[in-house]
N, C-alpha and C. Protein backbone atom coordinates (compact mmCIF):
# COMPACT_ATOMS: atom_id res chain seq x y z
N MET A 1 57.38 42.67 181.74
CA MET A 1 57.80 42.29 180.40
C MET A 1 57.44 40.82 180.13
N LYS A 2 57.48 39.98 181.18
CA LYS A 2 57.15 38.57 180.99
C LYS A 2 55.72 38.39 180.50
N MET A 3 54.81 39.18 181.06
CA MET A 3 53.41 39.08 180.65
C MET A 3 53.24 39.53 179.19
N LEU A 4 53.91 40.61 178.83
CA LEU A 4 53.84 41.09 177.44
C LEU A 4 54.41 40.06 176.47
N LEU A 5 55.50 39.43 176.85
CA LEU A 5 56.09 38.40 176.00
C LEU A 5 55.19 37.17 175.91
N ALA A 6 54.45 36.89 176.97
CA ALA A 6 53.48 35.79 176.92
C ALA A 6 52.37 36.13 175.92
N ILE A 7 51.96 37.38 175.90
CA ILE A 7 50.95 37.82 174.93
C ILE A 7 51.49 37.67 173.51
N THR A 8 52.76 38.02 173.30
CA THR A 8 53.33 37.89 171.96
C THR A 8 53.36 36.43 171.52
N ARG A 9 53.62 35.52 172.45
CA ARG A 9 53.63 34.10 172.10
C ARG A 9 52.25 33.63 171.63
N VAL A 10 51.20 34.14 172.28
CA VAL A 10 49.83 33.79 171.88
C VAL A 10 49.53 34.36 170.49
N ILE A 11 49.84 35.64 170.30
CA ILE A 11 49.60 36.28 168.99
C ILE A 11 50.39 35.56 167.91
N ASP A 12 51.66 35.28 168.17
CA ASP A 12 52.50 34.60 167.19
C ASP A 12 51.96 33.20 166.87
N ALA A 13 51.49 32.49 167.88
CA ALA A 13 50.94 31.14 167.65
C ALA A 13 49.68 31.21 166.79
N ILE A 14 48.81 32.16 167.08
CA ILE A 14 47.57 32.30 166.30
C ILE A 14 47.90 32.65 164.85
N ASN A 15 48.75 33.66 164.65
CA ASN A 15 49.09 34.07 163.28
C ASN A 15 49.89 33.00 162.55
N GLY A 16 50.71 32.25 163.28
CA GLY A 16 51.44 31.14 162.66
C GLY A 16 50.49 30.06 162.17
N ALA A 17 49.53 29.70 163.01
CA ALA A 17 48.56 28.67 162.64
C ALA A 17 47.69 29.13 161.46
N ILE A 18 47.22 30.36 161.52
CA ILE A 18 46.39 30.89 160.43
C ILE A 18 47.20 30.98 159.14
N GLY A 19 48.44 31.44 159.22
CA GLY A 19 49.29 31.54 158.03
C GLY A 19 49.53 30.19 157.37
N ARG A 20 49.76 29.17 158.18
CA ARG A 20 49.96 27.84 157.61
C ARG A 20 48.66 27.30 157.03
N TRP A 21 47.54 27.57 157.68
CA TRP A 21 46.24 27.09 157.21
C TRP A 21 45.84 27.75 155.89
N VAL A 22 45.98 29.07 155.80
CA VAL A 22 45.52 29.74 154.57
C VAL A 22 46.40 29.42 153.37
N SER A 23 47.58 28.91 153.59
CA SER A 23 48.41 28.53 152.44
C SER A 23 47.72 27.44 151.62
N TRP A 24 46.88 26.65 152.26
CA TRP A 24 46.13 25.62 151.53
C TRP A 24 45.07 26.24 150.62
N LEU A 25 44.65 27.44 150.94
CA LEU A 25 43.68 28.10 150.08
C LEU A 25 44.27 28.42 148.71
N LEU A 26 45.59 28.59 148.66
CA LEU A 26 46.24 28.80 147.36
C LEU A 26 46.07 27.58 146.48
N LEU A 27 46.21 26.40 147.06
CA LEU A 27 46.00 25.18 146.30
C LEU A 27 44.57 25.12 145.79
N ALA A 28 43.62 25.45 146.64
CA ALA A 28 42.22 25.46 146.23
C ALA A 28 42.00 26.46 145.09
N ALA A 29 42.61 27.63 145.19
CA ALA A 29 42.47 28.64 144.13
C ALA A 29 43.05 28.15 142.81
N VAL A 30 44.18 27.47 142.87
CA VAL A 30 44.81 26.95 141.65
C VAL A 30 43.94 25.86 141.03
N ILE A 31 43.42 24.96 141.85
CA ILE A 31 42.57 23.88 141.35
C ILE A 31 41.30 24.46 140.72
N ILE A 32 40.68 25.42 141.39
CA ILE A 32 39.48 26.05 140.85
C ILE A 32 39.78 26.79 139.56
N SER A 33 40.90 27.49 139.54
CA SER A 33 41.30 28.23 138.34
C SER A 33 41.54 27.28 137.17
N ALA A 34 42.26 26.20 137.42
CA ALA A 34 42.55 25.23 136.36
C ALA A 34 41.26 24.56 135.89
N GLY A 35 40.43 24.17 136.84
CA GLY A 35 39.16 23.54 136.48
C GLY A 35 38.28 24.47 135.68
N ASN A 36 38.21 25.70 136.09
CA ASN A 36 37.41 26.70 135.39
C ASN A 36 37.93 26.90 133.97
N ALA A 37 39.25 26.96 133.80
CA ALA A 37 39.84 27.15 132.47
C ALA A 37 39.56 25.95 131.57
N VAL A 38 39.69 24.75 132.11
CA VAL A 38 39.44 23.54 131.33
C VAL A 38 37.98 23.48 130.89
N ILE A 39 37.07 23.74 131.81
CA ILE A 39 35.63 23.71 131.49
C ILE A 39 35.29 24.79 130.45
N ARG A 40 35.89 25.95 130.61
CA ARG A 40 35.63 27.04 129.66
C ARG A 40 36.13 26.67 128.26
N LYS A 41 37.31 26.08 128.16
CA LYS A 41 37.89 25.73 126.85
C LYS A 41 37.22 24.50 126.23
N MET A 42 36.94 23.50 127.06
CA MET A 42 36.39 22.25 126.53
C MET A 42 34.89 22.34 126.22
N PHE A 43 34.15 23.01 127.11
CA PHE A 43 32.69 23.01 126.99
C PHE A 43 32.10 24.38 126.68
N ASP A 44 32.97 25.38 126.55
CA ASP A 44 32.54 26.74 126.28
C ASP A 44 31.50 27.22 127.31
N ILE A 45 31.76 26.88 128.58
CA ILE A 45 30.91 27.28 129.69
C ILE A 45 31.74 28.15 130.63
N SER A 46 31.19 29.27 131.01
CA SER A 46 31.89 30.17 131.92
C SER A 46 31.02 30.47 133.12
N SER A 47 31.66 30.77 134.23
CA SER A 47 30.91 31.06 135.45
C SER A 47 31.58 32.20 136.21
N ASN A 48 30.82 33.27 136.41
CA ASN A 48 31.34 34.37 137.22
C ASN A 48 31.57 33.93 138.67
N ALA A 49 30.75 33.03 139.15
CA ALA A 49 30.90 32.55 140.53
C ALA A 49 32.26 31.89 140.72
N TRP A 50 32.68 31.06 139.78
CA TRP A 50 33.97 30.40 139.91
C TRP A 50 35.12 31.41 139.82
N LEU A 51 34.99 32.39 138.94
CA LEU A 51 36.01 33.44 138.86
C LEU A 51 36.09 34.22 140.16
N GLU A 52 34.94 34.59 140.69
CA GLU A 52 34.92 35.34 141.95
C GLU A 52 35.46 34.51 143.10
N LEU A 53 35.17 33.22 143.10
CA LEU A 53 35.70 32.35 144.16
C LEU A 53 37.23 32.35 144.12
N GLN A 54 37.81 32.31 142.92
CA GLN A 54 39.26 32.39 142.80
C GLN A 54 39.77 33.69 143.43
N TRP A 55 39.13 34.79 143.10
CA TRP A 55 39.54 36.09 143.64
C TRP A 55 39.39 36.11 145.16
N TYR A 56 38.29 35.59 145.65
CA TYR A 56 38.05 35.56 147.10
C TYR A 56 39.14 34.76 147.81
N LEU A 57 39.46 33.60 147.23
CA LEU A 57 40.49 32.76 147.86
C LEU A 57 41.85 33.45 147.85
N PHE A 58 42.23 34.02 146.72
CA PHE A 58 43.51 34.71 146.64
C PHE A 58 43.54 35.90 147.59
N GLY A 59 42.47 36.69 147.60
CA GLY A 59 42.39 37.84 148.50
C GLY A 59 42.45 37.44 149.96
N THR A 60 41.79 36.34 150.29
CA THR A 60 41.81 35.84 151.66
C THR A 60 43.22 35.43 152.07
N VAL A 61 43.91 34.74 151.17
CA VAL A 61 45.29 34.36 151.47
C VAL A 61 46.14 35.61 151.68
N PHE A 62 46.02 36.55 150.78
CA PHE A 62 46.80 37.78 150.88
C PHE A 62 46.54 38.50 152.20
N MET A 63 45.25 38.66 152.55
CA MET A 63 44.90 39.41 153.76
C MET A 63 45.29 38.65 155.03
N LEU A 64 44.97 37.37 155.10
CA LEU A 64 45.22 36.63 156.34
C LEU A 64 46.67 36.22 156.51
N ALA A 65 47.44 36.18 155.42
CA ALA A 65 48.85 35.81 155.53
C ALA A 65 49.76 37.02 155.74
N ALA A 66 49.23 38.22 155.70
CA ALA A 66 50.06 39.41 155.92
C ALA A 66 50.68 39.39 157.31
N ALA A 67 49.90 39.03 158.31
CA ALA A 67 50.43 38.95 159.67
C ALA A 67 51.48 37.85 159.79
N TYR A 68 51.24 36.74 159.12
CA TYR A 68 52.20 35.62 159.10
C TYR A 68 53.51 36.06 158.46
N THR A 69 53.42 36.85 157.40
CA THR A 69 54.61 37.38 156.73
C THR A 69 55.40 38.28 157.68
N LEU A 70 54.70 39.15 158.41
CA LEU A 70 55.38 40.01 159.38
C LEU A 70 56.00 39.19 160.50
N LEU A 71 55.27 38.19 160.97
CA LEU A 71 55.78 37.30 162.02
C LEU A 71 57.11 36.67 161.61
N ASN A 72 57.21 36.25 160.36
CA ASN A 72 58.41 35.58 159.87
C ASN A 72 59.43 36.53 159.27
N ASN A 73 59.21 37.83 159.47
CA ASN A 73 60.15 38.86 159.02
C ASN A 73 60.43 38.74 157.51
N GLU A 74 59.38 38.45 156.75
CA GLU A 74 59.52 38.28 155.31
C GLU A 74 58.92 39.44 154.53
N HIS A 75 58.57 40.51 155.24
CA HIS A 75 57.99 41.67 154.57
C HIS A 75 59.08 42.41 153.79
N ILE A 76 58.65 43.28 152.94
CA ILE A 76 59.56 43.99 152.05
C ILE A 76 60.39 45.01 152.83
N ARG A 77 61.65 45.00 152.52
CA ARG A 77 62.57 45.99 153.09
C ARG A 77 63.36 46.61 151.93
N ILE A 78 63.93 47.73 152.20
CA ILE A 78 64.84 48.34 151.22
C ILE A 78 66.23 47.82 151.58
N ASP A 79 66.58 46.67 151.02
CA ASP A 79 67.81 45.97 151.41
C ASP A 79 69.07 46.77 151.18
N ILE A 80 69.06 47.62 150.17
CA ILE A 80 70.26 48.40 149.90
C ILE A 80 70.61 49.30 151.10
N LEU A 81 69.59 49.74 151.82
CA LEU A 81 69.82 50.53 153.03
C LEU A 81 69.97 49.65 154.25
N ALA A 82 69.03 48.74 154.44
CA ALA A 82 69.01 47.92 155.65
C ALA A 82 70.26 47.06 155.80
N SER A 83 70.79 46.58 154.70
CA SER A 83 71.97 45.71 154.79
C SER A 83 73.21 46.45 155.27
N SER A 84 73.21 47.76 155.14
CA SER A 84 74.39 48.53 155.59
C SER A 84 74.29 48.93 157.06
N TRP A 85 73.14 48.70 157.68
CA TRP A 85 72.96 49.06 159.09
C TRP A 85 73.23 47.88 160.00
N SER A 86 73.59 48.19 161.23
CA SER A 86 73.78 47.13 162.22
C SER A 86 72.42 46.54 162.59
N LYS A 87 72.46 45.35 163.18
CA LYS A 87 71.22 44.69 163.61
C LYS A 87 70.49 45.57 164.63
N ARG A 88 71.21 46.18 165.52
CA ARG A 88 70.60 47.04 166.54
C ARG A 88 69.91 48.25 165.88
N THR A 89 70.56 48.84 164.89
CA THR A 89 69.95 49.97 164.18
C THR A 89 68.68 49.54 163.47
N ARG A 90 68.72 48.36 162.81
CA ARG A 90 67.51 47.84 162.14
C ARG A 90 66.39 47.59 163.14
N ASP A 91 66.74 47.09 164.33
CA ASP A 91 65.73 46.86 165.37
C ASP A 91 65.09 48.17 165.81
N TRP A 92 65.91 49.19 166.00
CA TRP A 92 65.38 50.50 166.39
C TRP A 92 64.48 51.07 165.30
N ILE A 93 64.92 50.97 164.07
CA ILE A 93 64.11 51.48 162.96
C ILE A 93 62.79 50.72 162.87
N ASP A 94 62.85 49.38 163.00
CA ASP A 94 61.61 48.59 162.99
C ASP A 94 60.68 49.03 164.11
N LEU A 95 61.21 49.18 165.29
CA LEU A 95 60.40 49.58 166.45
C LEU A 95 59.73 50.93 166.20
N ILE A 96 60.50 51.90 165.79
CA ILE A 96 59.97 53.25 165.58
C ILE A 96 58.95 53.28 164.43
N LEU A 97 59.28 52.65 163.33
CA LEU A 97 58.37 52.68 162.18
C LEU A 97 57.10 51.87 162.41
N HIS A 98 57.21 50.79 163.18
CA HIS A 98 56.00 50.03 163.54
C HIS A 98 55.07 50.91 164.37
N ILE A 99 55.65 51.65 165.30
CA ILE A 99 54.83 52.51 166.17
C ILE A 99 54.24 53.69 165.38
N ILE A 100 55.06 54.32 164.56
CA ILE A 100 54.62 55.54 163.86
C ILE A 100 53.72 55.24 162.66
N PHE A 101 54.03 54.20 161.90
CA PHE A 101 53.30 53.95 160.65
C PHE A 101 52.41 52.71 160.68
N LEU A 102 52.99 51.57 161.04
CA LEU A 102 52.25 50.31 160.90
C LEU A 102 51.04 50.24 161.82
N VAL A 103 51.21 50.52 163.09
CA VAL A 103 50.08 50.42 164.03
C VAL A 103 48.97 51.41 163.69
N PRO A 104 49.26 52.67 163.48
CA PRO A 104 48.15 53.57 163.12
C PRO A 104 47.43 53.14 161.84
N PHE A 105 48.20 52.70 160.84
CA PHE A 105 47.58 52.27 159.58
C PHE A 105 46.70 51.04 159.79
N THR A 106 47.21 50.02 160.46
CA THR A 106 46.42 48.80 160.63
C THR A 106 45.22 49.04 161.54
N PHE A 107 45.38 49.86 162.56
CA PHE A 107 44.24 50.17 163.42
C PHE A 107 43.16 50.93 162.64
N LEU A 108 43.58 51.90 161.83
CA LEU A 108 42.63 52.66 161.02
C LEU A 108 41.91 51.74 160.03
N MET A 109 42.64 50.89 159.35
CA MET A 109 42.02 50.00 158.38
C MET A 109 41.07 49.01 159.06
N THR A 110 41.43 48.52 160.24
CA THR A 110 40.54 47.63 160.99
C THR A 110 39.26 48.37 161.36
N TRP A 111 39.43 49.58 161.86
CA TRP A 111 38.29 50.40 162.27
C TRP A 111 37.36 50.71 161.09
N LEU A 112 37.94 51.00 159.93
CA LEU A 112 37.14 51.29 158.75
C LEU A 112 36.53 50.03 158.13
N ALA A 113 37.22 48.92 158.21
CA ALA A 113 36.74 47.69 157.59
C ALA A 113 35.56 47.07 158.34
N TRP A 114 35.49 47.29 159.65
CA TRP A 114 34.41 46.68 160.43
C TRP A 114 33.01 47.11 159.95
N PRO A 115 32.68 48.40 159.88
CA PRO A 115 31.34 48.76 159.41
C PRO A 115 31.12 48.41 157.94
N TRP A 116 32.17 48.45 157.15
CA TRP A 116 32.09 48.09 155.73
C TRP A 116 31.67 46.63 155.60
N PHE A 117 32.31 45.75 156.38
CA PHE A 117 31.94 44.33 156.39
C PHE A 117 30.56 44.13 157.00
N LEU A 118 30.30 44.75 158.14
CA LEU A 118 29.04 44.54 158.86
C LEU A 118 27.84 44.95 158.01
N ASN A 119 27.94 46.08 157.34
CA ASN A 119 26.85 46.52 156.47
C ASN A 119 26.61 45.52 155.34
N SER A 120 27.68 45.04 154.75
CA SER A 120 27.57 44.06 153.67
C SER A 120 26.89 42.78 154.17
N PHE A 121 27.26 42.36 155.37
CA PHE A 121 26.68 41.15 155.97
C PHE A 121 25.19 41.35 156.24
N LYS A 122 24.85 42.50 156.84
CA LYS A 122 23.46 42.77 157.20
C LYS A 122 22.53 42.81 155.99
N ILE A 123 22.99 43.38 154.89
CA ILE A 123 22.12 43.51 153.71
C ILE A 123 22.24 42.31 152.77
N GLY A 124 23.14 41.37 153.10
CA GLY A 124 23.32 40.21 152.23
C GLY A 124 23.84 40.60 150.86
N GLU A 125 24.79 41.52 150.84
CA GLU A 125 25.31 42.07 149.59
C GLU A 125 25.79 40.98 148.64
N ILE A 126 25.39 41.10 147.40
CA ILE A 126 25.75 40.14 146.36
C ILE A 126 26.51 40.90 145.27
N SER A 127 27.44 40.21 144.64
CA SER A 127 28.21 40.79 143.55
C SER A 127 27.28 41.29 142.46
N SER A 128 27.70 42.35 141.81
CA SER A 128 26.90 42.89 140.71
C SER A 128 27.06 42.07 139.42
N SER A 129 28.01 41.15 139.41
CA SER A 129 28.20 40.28 138.24
C SER A 129 27.09 39.24 138.18
N ALA A 130 26.67 38.91 136.97
CA ALA A 130 25.64 37.88 136.81
C ALA A 130 26.16 36.56 137.38
N GLY A 131 25.37 35.96 138.25
CA GLY A 131 25.77 34.70 138.87
C GLY A 131 26.87 34.86 139.90
N GLY A 132 27.10 36.08 140.36
CA GLY A 132 28.17 36.36 141.32
C GLY A 132 27.84 35.85 142.71
N LEU A 133 28.82 35.91 143.56
CA LEU A 133 28.72 35.40 144.93
C LEU A 133 28.32 36.50 145.91
N ILE A 134 28.04 36.07 147.14
CA ILE A 134 27.84 37.04 148.21
C ILE A 134 29.18 37.72 148.48
N VAL A 135 29.13 38.96 148.90
CA VAL A 135 30.34 39.77 149.01
C VAL A 135 30.92 39.79 150.43
N TRP A 136 30.08 39.63 151.44
CA TRP A 136 30.56 39.84 152.80
C TRP A 136 31.71 38.93 153.21
N PRO A 137 31.85 37.69 152.71
CA PRO A 137 33.03 36.92 153.12
C PRO A 137 34.35 37.58 152.70
N ALA A 138 34.37 38.18 151.52
CA ALA A 138 35.58 38.87 151.08
C ALA A 138 35.86 40.08 151.96
N LYS A 139 34.80 40.79 152.32
CA LYS A 139 34.98 41.95 153.20
C LYS A 139 35.37 41.52 154.61
N ALA A 140 34.90 40.37 155.03
CA ALA A 140 35.31 39.83 156.33
C ALA A 140 36.80 39.52 156.33
N ALA A 141 37.31 39.01 155.21
CA ALA A 141 38.74 38.72 155.10
C ALA A 141 39.57 39.98 155.25
N VAL A 142 39.08 41.09 154.70
CA VAL A 142 39.79 42.37 154.85
C VAL A 142 39.82 42.78 156.32
N PHE A 143 38.66 42.73 156.98
CA PHE A 143 38.60 43.10 158.39
C PHE A 143 39.51 42.21 159.23
N PHE A 144 39.37 40.90 159.10
CA PHE A 144 40.17 39.99 159.93
C PHE A 144 41.65 40.05 159.57
N GLY A 145 41.96 40.30 158.30
CA GLY A 145 43.35 40.44 157.91
C GLY A 145 44.02 41.62 158.61
N PHE A 146 43.33 42.76 158.63
CA PHE A 146 43.91 43.93 159.31
C PHE A 146 43.89 43.76 160.83
N LEU A 147 42.91 43.06 161.36
CA LEU A 147 42.89 42.77 162.80
C LEU A 147 44.10 41.91 163.19
N LEU A 148 44.35 40.87 162.42
CA LEU A 148 45.51 40.01 162.68
C LEU A 148 46.83 40.77 162.49
N LEU A 149 46.89 41.60 161.48
CA LEU A 149 48.10 42.39 161.24
C LEU A 149 48.32 43.41 162.36
N SER A 150 47.25 43.98 162.88
CA SER A 150 47.36 44.90 164.02
C SER A 150 47.93 44.17 165.23
N ALA A 151 47.40 42.99 165.50
CA ALA A 151 47.89 42.20 166.64
C ALA A 151 49.36 41.82 166.44
N GLN A 152 49.72 41.43 165.22
CA GLN A 152 51.11 41.06 164.97
C GLN A 152 52.03 42.27 165.08
N ALA A 153 51.57 43.44 164.67
CA ALA A 153 52.37 44.65 164.82
C ALA A 153 52.67 44.91 166.29
N ILE A 154 51.65 44.77 167.13
CA ILE A 154 51.85 44.94 168.58
C ILE A 154 52.85 43.91 169.09
N SER A 155 52.71 42.67 168.65
CA SER A 155 53.64 41.62 169.05
C SER A 155 55.07 41.97 168.65
N GLU A 156 55.25 42.44 167.44
CA GLU A 156 56.59 42.80 166.96
C GLU A 156 57.17 43.97 167.73
N ILE A 157 56.34 44.93 168.09
CA ILE A 157 56.81 46.07 168.89
C ILE A 157 57.29 45.58 170.25
N ILE A 158 56.50 44.73 170.88
CA ILE A 158 56.89 44.20 172.19
C ILE A 158 58.20 43.42 172.08
N LYS A 159 58.31 42.57 171.06
CA LYS A 159 59.54 41.77 170.90
C LYS A 159 60.75 42.65 170.61
N ARG A 160 60.59 43.67 169.74
CA ARG A 160 61.72 44.57 169.45
C ARG A 160 62.15 45.30 170.72
N ALA A 161 61.18 45.79 171.49
CA ALA A 161 61.52 46.48 172.74
C ALA A 161 62.23 45.53 173.70
N ALA A 162 61.77 44.30 173.77
CA ALA A 162 62.40 43.31 174.66
C ALA A 162 63.82 42.97 174.19
N ILE A 163 64.02 42.88 172.90
CA ILE A 163 65.36 42.60 172.37
C ILE A 163 66.28 43.78 172.66
N LEU A 164 65.81 44.98 172.38
CA LEU A 164 66.65 46.17 172.59
C LEU A 164 66.97 46.40 174.05
N SER A 165 66.07 45.99 174.95
CA SER A 165 66.31 46.17 176.38
C SER A 165 67.02 44.98 177.02
N GLY A 166 67.29 43.94 176.23
CA GLY A 166 68.00 42.78 176.74
C GLY A 166 67.13 41.76 177.44
N HIS A 167 65.82 41.88 177.32
CA HIS A 167 64.91 40.92 177.96
C HIS A 167 64.60 39.71 177.09
N LEU A 168 65.02 39.75 175.84
CA LEU A 168 64.72 38.67 174.91
C LEU A 168 65.90 38.49 173.97
N GLU A 169 66.30 37.22 173.79
CA GLU A 169 67.37 36.91 172.85
C GLU A 169 66.80 37.00 171.44
N ASP A 170 67.53 37.64 170.55
CA ASP A 170 67.08 37.81 169.18
C ASP A 170 67.32 36.52 168.41
N LYS A 171 66.25 35.88 167.99
CA LYS A 171 66.34 34.62 167.24
C LYS A 171 67.06 34.82 165.92
N ALA A 172 66.96 35.99 165.34
CA ALA A 172 67.64 36.27 164.07
C ALA A 172 69.15 36.22 164.26
N ASP A 173 69.64 36.73 165.40
CA ASP A 173 71.07 36.68 165.68
C ASP A 173 71.54 35.25 165.87
N VAL A 174 70.75 34.44 166.56
CA VAL A 174 71.09 33.04 166.78
C VAL A 174 71.09 32.30 165.44
N LYS A 175 70.11 32.57 164.59
CA LYS A 175 70.02 31.95 163.27
C LYS A 175 71.22 32.37 162.41
N ASP A 176 71.56 33.67 162.43
CA ASP A 176 72.70 34.16 161.64
C ASP A 176 74.01 33.53 162.10
N ALA A 177 74.17 33.40 163.42
CA ALA A 177 75.38 32.78 163.97
C ALA A 177 75.48 31.32 163.56
N ALA A 178 74.35 30.63 163.58
CA ALA A 178 74.33 29.21 163.19
C ALA A 178 74.69 29.05 161.71
N GLU A 179 74.23 29.96 160.87
CA GLU A 179 74.54 29.89 159.45
C GLU A 179 76.02 30.15 159.20
N VAL A 180 76.62 31.07 159.96
CA VAL A 180 78.02 31.39 159.79
C VAL A 180 78.90 30.23 160.24
N THR A 181 78.55 29.60 161.37
CA THR A 181 79.37 28.50 161.90
C THR A 181 79.02 27.16 161.30
N GLY A 182 77.90 27.08 160.59
CA GLY A 182 77.50 25.82 159.96
C GLY A 182 76.77 24.87 160.89
N HIS A 183 76.27 25.39 162.02
CA HIS A 183 75.54 24.53 162.98
C HIS A 183 74.08 24.74 162.89
């Protein structure tokens, strides 16, 4: 279990660093969007490339930050149900659903995204929009996003199993206790 937990620390560190880094891409997308809007209104000049760059940046953030969101337990839950369950029950449900749904889905999407990206890269695919950008970087973001999410899913499964078996202290419980006591 120690070796598996060491692997989770590496995966968590990588996804944490990537998640913090891609958050800056949102700022770039906002600046590009604002600049594009100002230029379009002031000078009546439009550029498909700038519009596509905004989409690429937003899509990249969305894809690469998905694993970061899972790492920080900020993904969507049905709170009306989850809030009525014990922490142990939620851990079991997370473990089972990650194994049954999340891992197969992310592995399938990674497997499908690889040739989709690779073909685009090999042919130098360009957007069909006039003045559009090359497409393969956006497709690369899809592939790497699902690859990172697959790795984070494995990390979460290992951590949930370790928590349920008593090999790992649940940080959420420590955080909840600190909030209740005010420490």
